[in-house]
PDB file of all heavy atoms in Angstrom:
ATOM      1  N   GLY A   1      22.489   4.952  -4.103  1.00  0.00           N
ATOM      2  CA  GLY A   1      22.343   3.576  -3.657  1.00  0.00           C
ATOM      3  C   GLY A   1      21.167   3.311  -2.741  1.00  0.00           C
ATOM      4  O   GLY A   1      20.933   2.169  -2.359  1.00  0.00           O
ATOM      5  N   LYS A   2      20.399   4.350  -2.373  1.00  0.00           N
ATOM      6  CA  LYS A   2      19.270   4.176  -1.467  1.00  0.00           C
ATOM      7  C   LYS A   2      17.969   4.278  -2.256  1.00  0.00           C
ATOM      8  O   LYS A   2      17.703   5.301  -2.892  1.00  0.00           O
ATOM      9  CB  LYS A   2      19.299   5.234  -0.352  1.00  0.00           C
ATOM     10  CG  LYS A   2      20.591   5.238   0.464  1.00  0.00           C
ATOM     11  CD  LYS A   2      20.828   3.902   1.162  1.00  0.00           C
ATOM     12  CE  LYS A   2      22.129   3.927   1.969  1.00  0.00           C
ATOM     13  NZ  LYS A   2      22.427   2.616   2.583  1.00  0.00           N
ATOM     14  N   THR A   3      17.160   3.216  -2.187  1.00  0.00           N
ATOM     15  CA  THR A   3      15.926   3.144  -2.955  1.00  0.00           C
ATOM     16  C   THR A   3      14.744   3.589  -2.103  1.00  0.00           C
ATOM     17  O   THR A   3      14.622   3.192  -0.938  1.00  0.00           O
ATOM     18  CB  THR A   3      15.678   1.717  -3.459  1.00  0.00           C
ATOM     19  OG1 THR A   3      16.795   1.301  -4.261  1.00  0.00           O
ATOM     20  CG2 THR A   3      14.420   1.643  -4.306  1.00  0.00           C
ATOM     21  N   VAL A   4      13.876   4.407  -2.684  1.00  0.00           N
ATOM     22  CA  VAL A   4      12.665   4.887  -2.022  1.00  0.00           C
ATOM     23  C   VAL A   4      11.461   4.404  -2.818  1.00  0.00           C
ATOM     24  O   VAL A   4      11.374   4.637  -4.028  1.00  0.00           O
ATOM     25  CB  VAL A   4      12.649   6.421  -1.914  1.00  0.00           C
ATOM     26  CG1 VAL A   4      11.357   6.907  -1.253  1.00  0.00           C
ATOM     27  CG2 VAL A   4      13.861   6.928  -1.126  1.00  0.00           C
ATOM     28  N   LYS A   5      10.533   3.719  -2.146  1.00  0.00           N
ATOM     29  CA  LYS A   5       9.276   3.309  -2.760  1.00  0.00           C
ATOM     30  C   LYS A   5       8.248   4.409  -2.523  1.00  0.00           C
ATOM     31  O   LYS A   5       8.147   4.943  -1.407  1.00  0.00           O
ATOM     32  CB  LYS A   5       8.763   1.999  -2.157  1.00  0.00           C
ATOM     33  CG  LYS A   5       9.371   0.749  -2.762  1.00  0.00           C
ATOM     34  CD  LYS A   5      10.783   0.518  -2.371  1.00  0.00           C
ATOM     35  CE  LYS A   5      11.297  -0.815  -2.911  1.00  0.00           C
ATOM     36  NZ  LYS A   5      12.727  -1.004  -2.607  1.00  0.00           N
ATOM     37  N   ILE A   6       7.452   4.715  -3.564  1.00  0.00           N
ATOM     38  CA  ILE A   6       6.491   5.813  -3.488  1.00  0.00           C
ATOM     39  C   ILE A   6       5.158   5.290  -4.016  1.00  0.00           C
ATOM     40  O   ILE A   6       5.081   4.805  -5.145  1.00  0.00           O
ATOM     41  CB  ILE A   6       6.968   7.016  -4.322  1.00  0.00           C
ATOM     42  CG1 ILE A   6       8.402   7.390  -3.908  1.00  0.00           C
ATOM     43  CG2 ILE A   6       6.041   8.209  -4.159  1.00  0.00           C
ATOM     44  CD1 ILE A   6       9.181   8.153  -4.942  1.00  0.00           C
ATOM     45  N   MET A   7       4.088   5.388  -3.202  1.00  0.00           N
ATOM     46  CA  MET A   7       2.834   4.733  -3.563  1.00  0.00           C
ATOM     47  C   MET A   7       1.627   5.639  -3.373  1.00  0.00           C
ATOM     48  O   MET A   7       1.571   6.435  -2.421  1.00  0.00           O
ATOM     49  CB  MET A   7       2.653   3.463  -2.732  1.00  0.00           C
ATOM     50  CG  MET A   7       3.652   2.364  -3.069  1.00  0.00           C
ATOM     51  SD  MET A   7       3.273   0.795  -2.238  1.00  0.00           S
ATOM     52  CE  MET A   7       3.832   1.177  -0.582  1.00  0.00           C
ATOM     53  N   LEU A   8       0.679   5.484  -4.277  1.00  0.00           N
ATOM     54  CA  LEU A   8      -0.652   6.073  -4.191  1.00  0.00           C
ATOM     55  C   LEU A   8      -1.661   4.983  -3.901  1.00  0.00           C
ATOM     56  O   LEU A   8      -1.629   3.915  -4.523  1.00  0.00           O
ATOM     57  CB  LEU A   8      -1.017   6.761  -5.519  1.00  0.00           C
ATOM     58  CG  LEU A   8      -2.510   6.873  -5.867  1.00  0.00           C
ATOM     59  CD1 LEU A   8      -3.191   7.928  -4.996  1.00  0.00           C
ATOM     60  CD2 LEU A   8      -2.702   7.192  -7.344  1.00  0.00           C
ATOM     61  N   SER A   9      -2.583   5.244  -2.969  1.00  0.00           N
ATOM     62  CA  SER A   9      -3.786   4.416  -2.822  1.00  0.00           C
ATOM     63  C   SER A   9      -4.940   5.344  -2.456  1.00  0.00           C
ATOM     64  O   SER A   9      -4.863   6.092  -1.484  1.00  0.00           O
ATOM     65  CB  SER A   9      -3.596   3.324  -1.759  1.00  0.00           C
ATOM     66  OG  SER A   9      -3.146   3.855  -0.533  1.00  0.00           O
ATOM     67  N   ASP A  10      -5.980   5.327  -3.274  1.00  0.00           N
ATOM     68  CA  ASP A  10      -7.150   6.190  -3.074  1.00  0.00           C
ATOM     69  C   ASP A  10      -8.298   5.615  -3.899  1.00  0.00           C
ATOM     70  O   ASP A  10      -8.199   5.528  -5.122  1.00  0.00           O
ATOM     71  CB  ASP A  10      -6.847   7.622  -3.502  1.00  0.00           C
ATOM     72  CG  ASP A  10      -8.062   8.523  -3.402  1.00  0.00           C
ATOM     73  OD1 ASP A  10      -9.035   8.124  -2.741  1.00  0.00           O
ATOM     74  OD2 ASP A  10      -8.044   9.610  -3.994  1.00  0.00           O
ATOM     75  N   TYR A  11      -9.392   5.255  -3.229  1.00  0.00           N
ATOM     76  CA  TYR A  11     -10.456   4.511  -3.912  1.00  0.00           C
ATOM     77  C   TYR A  11     -11.772   5.279  -3.954  1.00  0.00           C
ATOM     78  O   TYR A  11     -12.823   4.693  -4.199  1.00  0.00           O
ATOM     79  CB  TYR A  11     -10.626   3.151  -3.215  1.00  0.00           C
ATOM     80  CG  TYR A  11      -9.318   2.413  -3.154  1.00  0.00           C
ATOM     81  CD1 TYR A  11      -8.522   2.415  -2.008  1.00  0.00           C
ATOM     82  CD2 TYR A  11      -8.821   1.774  -4.288  1.00  0.00           C
ATOM     83  CE1 TYR A  11      -7.302   1.773  -1.979  1.00  0.00           C
ATOM     84  CE2 TYR A  11      -7.594   1.126  -4.267  1.00  0.00           C
ATOM     85  CZ  TYR A  11      -6.836   1.132  -3.111  1.00  0.00           C
ATOM     86  OH  TYR A  11      -5.615   0.513  -3.091  1.00  0.00           O
ATOM     87  N   GLN A  12     -11.730   6.583  -3.750  1.00  0.00           N
ATOM     88  CA  GLN A  12     -12.955   7.376  -3.680  1.00  0.00           C
ATOM     89  C   GLN A  12     -13.739   7.364  -4.992  1.00  0.00           C
ATOM     90  O   GLN A  12     -14.948   7.580  -4.992  1.00  0.00           O
ATOM     91  CB  GLN A  12     -12.637   8.820  -3.313  1.00  0.00           C
ATOM     92  CG  GLN A  12     -11.720   9.510  -4.310  1.00  0.00           C
ATOM     93  CD  GLN A  12     -11.446  10.954  -3.943  1.00  0.00           C
ATOM     94  OE1 GLN A  12     -12.324  11.773  -4.026  1.00  0.00           O
ATOM     95  NE2 GLN A  12     -10.222  11.233  -3.533  1.00  0.00           N
ATOM     96  N   GLY A  13     -13.054   7.103  -6.125  1.00  0.00           N
ATOM     97  CA  GLY A  13     -13.736   7.062  -7.410  1.00  0.00           C
ATOM     98  C   GLY A  13     -14.439   5.750  -7.687  1.00  0.00           C
ATOM     99  O   GLY A  13     -15.134   5.616  -8.701  1.00  0.00           O
ATOM    100  N   ARG A  14     -14.285   4.789  -6.778  1.00  0.00           N
ATOM    101  CA  ARG A  14     -14.913   3.486  -6.964  1.00  0.00           C
ATOM    102  C   ARG A  14     -16.374   3.517  -6.464  1.00  0.00           C
ATOM    103  O   ARG A  14     -16.827   4.488  -5.862  1.00  0.00           O
ATOM    104  CB  ARG A  14     -14.149   2.408  -6.195  1.00  0.00           C
ATOM    105  CG  ARG A  14     -12.633   2.380  -6.447  1.00  0.00           C
ATOM    106  CD  ARG A  14     -12.275   1.694  -7.733  1.00  0.00           C
ATOM    107  NE  ARG A  14     -10.823   1.577  -7.869  1.00  0.00           N
ATOM    108  CZ  ARG A  14     -10.111   0.558  -7.429  1.00  0.00           C
ATOM    109  NH1 ARG A  14     -10.690  -0.435  -6.792  1.00  0.00           N
ATOM    110  NH2 ARG A  14      -8.796   0.514  -7.618  1.00  0.00           N
ATOM    111  N   GLU A  15     -17.069   2.422  -6.673  1.00  0.00           N
ATOM    112  CA  GLU A  15     -18.429   2.274  -6.177  1.00  0.00           C
ATOM    113  C   GLU A  15     -18.461   2.481  -4.666  1.00  0.00           C
ATOM    114  O   GLU A  15     -17.555   2.062  -3.941  1.00  0.00           O
ATOM    115  CB  GLU A  15     -18.943   0.875  -6.532  1.00  0.00           C
ATOM    116  CG  GLU A  15     -20.371   0.612  -6.108  1.00  0.00           C
ATOM    117  CD  GLU A  15     -20.828  -0.800  -6.452  1.00  0.00           C
ATOM    118  OE1 GLU A  15     -20.048  -1.511  -7.133  1.00  0.00           O
ATOM    119  OE2 GLU A  15     -21.940  -1.175  -6.050  1.00  0.00           O
ATOM    120  N   GLY A  16     -19.511   3.139  -4.203  1.00  0.00           N
ATOM    121  CA  GLY A  16     -19.662   3.360  -2.774  1.00  0.00           C
ATOM    122  C   GLY A  16     -18.625   4.301  -2.205  1.00  0.00           C
ATOM    123  O   GLY A  16     -18.323   4.237  -1.009  1.00  0.00           O
ATOM    124  N   GLY A  17     -18.070   5.177  -3.039  1.00  0.00           N
ATOM    125  CA  GLY A  17     -17.070   6.119  -2.560  1.00  0.00           C
ATOM    126  C   GLY A  17     -15.800   5.449  -2.088  1.00  0.00           C
ATOM    127  O   GLY A  17     -15.004   6.046  -1.348  1.00  0.00           O
ATOM    128  N   GLY A  18     -15.605   4.191  -2.511  1.00  0.00           N
ATOM    129  CA  GLY A  18     -14.414   3.448  -2.116  1.00  0.00           C
ATOM    130  C   GLY A  18     -14.718   2.133  -1.451  1.00  0.00           C
ATOM    131  O   GLY A  18     -13.840   1.274  -1.302  1.00  0.00           O
ATOM    132  N   ASN A  19     -15.964   1.951  -0.988  1.00  0.00           N
ATOM    133  CA  ASN A  19     -16.408   0.678  -0.395  1.00  0.00           C
ATOM    134  C   ASN A  19     -15.528   0.210   0.751  1.00  0.00           C
ATOM    135  O   ASN A  19     -15.428  -0.975   1.023  1.00  0.00           O
ATOM    136  CB  ASN A  19     -16.492  -0.421  -1.459  1.00  0.00           C
ATOM    137  CG  ASN A  19     -17.872  -0.488  -2.103  1.00  0.00           C
ATOM    138  OD1 ASN A  19     -18.835   0.078  -1.580  1.00  0.00           O
ATOM    139  ND2 ASN A  19     -17.962  -1.155  -3.232  1.00  0.00           N
ATOM    140  N   GLY A  20     -14.835   1.151   1.400  1.00  0.00           N
ATOM    141  CA  GLY A  20     -14.038   0.777   2.559  1.00  0.00           C
ATOM    142  C   GLY A  20     -12.716   0.120   2.239  1.00  0.00           C
ATOM    143  O   GLY A  20     -12.075  -0.472   3.122  1.00  0.00           O
ATOM    144  N   LEU A  21     -12.256   0.224   0.981  1.00  0.00           N
ATOM    145  CA  LEU A  21     -10.963  -0.372   0.623  1.00  0.00           C
ATOM    146  C   LEU A  21      -9.824   0.289   1.392  1.00  0.00           C
ATOM    147  O   LEU A  21      -9.778   1.521   1.546  1.00  0.00           O
ATOM    148  CB  LEU A  21     -10.723  -0.242  -0.880  1.00  0.00           C
ATOM    149  CG  LEU A  21     -11.501  -1.217  -1.768  1.00  0.00           C
ATOM    150  CD1 LEU A  21     -11.473  -0.749  -3.218  1.00  0.00           C
ATOM    151  CD2 LEU A  21     -10.949  -2.632  -1.652  1.00  0.00           C
ATOM    152  N   MET A  22      -8.910  -0.505   1.852  1.00  0.00           N
ATOM    153  CA  MET A  22      -7.739  -0.025   2.585  1.00  0.00           C
ATOM    154  C   MET A  22      -6.562  -0.918   2.225  1.00  0.00           C
ATOM    155  O   MET A  22      -6.689  -1.862   1.449  1.00  0.00           O
ATOM    156  CB  MET A  22      -7.995  -0.064   4.093  1.00  0.00           C
ATOM    157  CG  MET A  22      -8.330  -1.459   4.616  1.00  0.00           C
ATOM    158  SD  MET A  22      -8.538  -1.545   6.412  1.00  0.00           S
ATOM    159  CE  MET A  22      -6.810  -1.487   6.932  1.00  0.00           C
ATOM    160  N   ARG A  23      -5.413  -0.593   2.795  1.00  0.00           N
ATOM    161  CA  ARG A  23      -4.215  -1.384   2.521  1.00  0.00           C
ATOM    162  C   ARG A  23      -3.539  -1.810   3.812  1.00  0.00           C
ATOM    163  O   ARG A  23      -3.656  -1.152   4.855  1.00  0.00           O
ATOM    164  CB  ARG A  23      -3.209  -0.586   1.677  1.00  0.00           C
ATOM    165  CG  ARG A  23      -3.513  -0.618   0.203  1.00  0.00           C
ATOM    166  CD  ARG A  23      -2.416  -0.028  -0.634  1.00  0.00           C
ATOM    167  NE  ARG A  23      -2.625  -0.378  -2.036  1.00  0.00           N
ATOM    168  CZ  ARG A  23      -1.838  -0.001  -3.027  1.00  0.00           C
ATOM    169  NH1 ARG A  23      -0.761   0.755  -2.782  1.00  0.00           N
ATOM    170  NH2 ARG A  23      -2.081  -0.367  -4.265  1.00  0.00           N
ATOM    171  N   LEU A  24      -2.818  -2.907   3.688  1.00  0.00           N
ATOM    172  CA  LEU A  24      -1.946  -3.356   4.755  1.00  0.00           C
ATOM    173  C   LEU A  24      -0.563  -3.563   4.162  1.00  0.00           C
ATOM    174  O   LEU A  24      -0.405  -4.299   3.180  1.00  0.00           O
ATOM    175  CB  LEU A  24      -2.466  -4.658   5.368  1.00  0.00           C
ATOM    176  CG  LEU A  24      -1.929  -4.997   6.761  1.00  0.00           C
ATOM    177  CD1 LEU A  24      -2.479  -4.013   7.784  1.00  0.00           C
ATOM    178  CD2 LEU A  24      -2.309  -6.421   7.167  1.00  0.00           C
ATOM    179  N   LEU A  25       0.431  -2.896   4.729  1.00  0.00           N
ATOM    180  CA  LEU A  25       1.823  -3.097   4.343  1.00  0.00           C
ATOM    181  C   LEU A  25       2.461  -3.992   5.399  1.00  0.00           C
ATOM    182  O   LEU A  25       2.504  -3.630   6.575  1.00  0.00           O
ATOM    183  CB  LEU A  25       2.577  -1.762   4.266  1.00  0.00           C
ATOM    184  CG  LEU A  25       1.957  -0.645   3.434  1.00  0.00           C
ATOM    185  CD1 LEU A  25       2.920   0.538   3.374  1.00  0.00           C
ATOM    186  CD2 LEU A  25       1.589  -1.112   2.048  1.00  0.00           C
ATOM    187  N   THR A  26       2.930  -5.145   4.979  1.00  0.00           N
ATOM    188  CA  THR A  26       3.544  -6.089   5.907  1.00  0.00           C
ATOM    189  C   THR A  26       5.036  -6.165   5.617  1.00  0.00           C
ATOM    190  O   THR A  26       5.447  -6.427   4.489  1.00  0.00           O
ATOM    191  CB  THR A  26       2.900  -7.478   5.788  1.00  0.00           C
ATOM    192  OG1 THR A  26       1.498  -7.365   6.059  1.00  0.00           O
ATOM    193  CG2 THR A  26       3.511  -8.447   6.781  1.00  0.00           C
ATOM    194  N   PHE A  27       5.821  -5.925   6.651  1.00  0.00           N
ATOM    195  CA  PHE A  27       7.271  -5.824   6.522  1.00  0.00           C
ATOM    196  C   PHE A  27       7.942  -7.048   7.144  1.00  0.00           C
ATOM    197  O   PHE A  27       7.659  -7.398   8.289  1.00  0.00           O
ATOM    198  CB  PHE A  27       7.789  -4.570   7.228  1.00  0.00           C
ATOM    199  CG  PHE A  27       7.224  -3.291   6.691  1.00  0.00           C
ATOM    200  CD1 PHE A  27       6.003  -2.803   7.145  1.00  0.00           C
ATOM    201  CD2 PHE A  27       7.902  -2.565   5.732  1.00  0.00           C
ATOM    202  CE1 PHE A  27       5.476  -1.615   6.649  1.00  0.00           C
ATOM    203  CE2 PHE A  27       7.390  -1.389   5.223  1.00  0.00           C
ATOM    204  CZ  PHE A  27       6.172  -0.915   5.681  1.00  0.00           C
ATOM    205  N   SER A  28       8.813  -7.688   6.378  1.00  0.00           N
ATOM    206  CA  SER A  28       9.669  -8.735   6.910  1.00  0.00           C
ATOM    207  C   SER A  28      11.094  -8.189   6.933  1.00  0.00           C
ATOM    208  O   SER A  28      11.761  -8.129   5.890  1.00  0.00           O
ATOM    209  CB  SER A  28       9.598 -10.004   6.059  1.00  0.00           C
ATOM    210  OG  SER A  28      10.571 -10.928   6.486  1.00  0.00           O
ATOM    211  N   LEU A  29      11.548  -7.766   8.093  1.00  0.00           N
ATOM    212  CA  LEU A  29      12.916  -7.250   8.200  1.00  0.00           C
ATOM    213  C   LEU A  29      13.922  -8.365   7.985  1.00  0.00           C
ATOM    214  O   LEU A  29      14.993  -8.148   7.420  1.00  0.00           O
ATOM    215  CB  LEU A  29      13.119  -6.595   9.564  1.00  0.00           C
ATOM    216  CG  LEU A  29      12.172  -5.442   9.916  1.00  0.00           C
ATOM    217  CD1 LEU A  29      12.549  -4.843  11.268  1.00  0.00           C
ATOM    218  CD2 LEU A  29      12.195  -4.367   8.837  1.00  0.00           C
ATOM    219  N   LYS A  30      13.563  -9.565   8.400  1.00  0.00           N
ATOM    220  CA  LYS A  30      14.458 -10.709   8.241  1.00  0.00           C
ATOM    221  C   LYS A  30      14.772 -10.951   6.773  1.00  0.00           C
ATOM    222  O   LYS A  30      15.904 -11.255   6.402  1.00  0.00           O
ATOM    223  CB  LYS A  30      13.817 -11.945   8.863  1.00  0.00           C
ATOM    224  CG  LYS A  30      14.605 -13.232   8.669  1.00  0.00           C
ATOM    225  CD  LYS A  30      13.870 -14.411   9.271  1.00  0.00           C
ATOM    226  CE  LYS A  30      14.616 -15.712   9.025  1.00  0.00           C
ATOM    227  NZ  LYS A  30      13.880 -16.882   9.600  1.00  0.00           N
ATOM    228  N   ASN A  31      13.756 -10.826   5.932  1.00  0.00           N
ATOM    229  CA  ASN A  31      13.909 -11.148   4.515  1.00  0.00           C
ATOM    230  C   ASN A  31      13.963  -9.926   3.621  1.00  0.00           C
ATOM    231  O   ASN A  31      13.972 -10.067   2.396  1.00  0.00           O
ATOM    232  CB  ASN A  31      12.766 -12.061   4.065  1.00  0.00           C
ATOM    233  CG  ASN A  31      12.761 -13.393   4.786  1.00  0.00           C
ATOM    234  OD1 ASN A  31      13.809 -13.874   5.200  1.00  0.00           O
ATOM    235  ND2 ASN A  31      11.593 -13.971   4.973  1.00  0.00           N
ATOM    236  N   ASP A  32      13.963  -8.727   4.215  1.00  0.00           N
ATOM    237  CA  ASP A  32      14.042  -7.486   3.449  1.00  0.00           C
ATOM    238  C   ASP A  32      12.916  -7.410   2.404  1.00  0.00           C
ATOM    239  O   ASP A  32      13.140  -7.174   1.234  1.00  0.00           O
ATOM    240  CB  ASP A  32      15.406  -7.345   2.755  1.00  0.00           C
ATOM    241  CG  ASP A  32      15.595  -5.957   2.160  1.00  0.00           C
ATOM    242  OD1 ASP A  32      15.567  -4.974   2.917  1.00  0.00           O
ATOM    243  OD2 ASP A  32      15.758  -5.843   0.926  1.00  0.00           O
ATOM    244  N   ARG A  33      11.672  -7.596   2.879  1.00  0.00           N
ATOM    245  CA  ARG A  33      10.545  -7.569   1.960  1.00  0.00           C
ATOM    246  C   ARG A  33       9.398  -6.757   2.525  1.00  0.00           C
ATOM    247  O   ARG A  33       9.158  -6.722   3.735  1.00  0.00           O
ATOM    248  CB  ARG A  33      10.039  -8.997   1.665  1.00  0.00           C
ATOM    249  CG  ARG A  33      10.998  -9.842   0.873  1.00  0.00           C
ATOM    250  CD  ARG A  33      10.286 -10.963   0.144  1.00  0.00           C
ATOM    251  NE  ARG A  33       9.544 -11.836   1.008  1.00  0.00           N
ATOM    252  CZ  ARG A  33      10.051 -12.913   1.621  1.00  0.00           C
ATOM    253  NH1 ARG A  33      11.324 -13.203   1.477  1.00  0.00           N
ATOM    254  NH2 ARG A  33       9.293 -13.688   2.380  1.00  0.00           N
ATOM    255  N   MET A  34       8.675  -6.116   1.622  1.00  0.00           N
ATOM    256  CA  MET A  34       7.441  -5.413   1.958  1.00  0.00           C
ATOM    257  C   MET A  34       6.328  -5.956   1.068  1.00  0.00           C
ATOM    258  O   MET A  34       6.446  -5.958  -0.163  1.00  0.00           O
ATOM    259  CB  MET A  34       7.595  -3.906   1.729  1.00  0.00           C
ATOM    260  CG  MET A  34       6.304  -3.120   1.929  1.00  0.00           C
ATOM    261  SD  MET A  34       6.519  -1.343   1.610  1.00  0.00           S
ATOM    262  CE  MET A  34       6.774  -1.378  -0.181  1.00  0.00           C
ATOM    263  N   ALA A  35       5.251  -6.434   1.677  1.00  0.00           N
ATOM    264  CA  ALA A  35       4.111  -6.951   0.936  1.00  0.00           C
ATOM    265  C   ALA A  35       2.948  -5.977   1.057  1.00  0.00           C
ATOM    266  O   ALA A  35       2.671  -5.454   2.138  1.00  0.00           O
ATOM    267  CB  ALA A  35       3.697  -8.320   1.471  1.00  0.00           C
TER     268      ALA A  35
END
């Protein structure tokens, strides 16, 4: 009954070795959401 999210993010193969791409995970505990 417990769900685990598993994610890859890696942009080294892109132009400019990744061009500074990054991620932001935003959590709403009130609404049980991750963006």
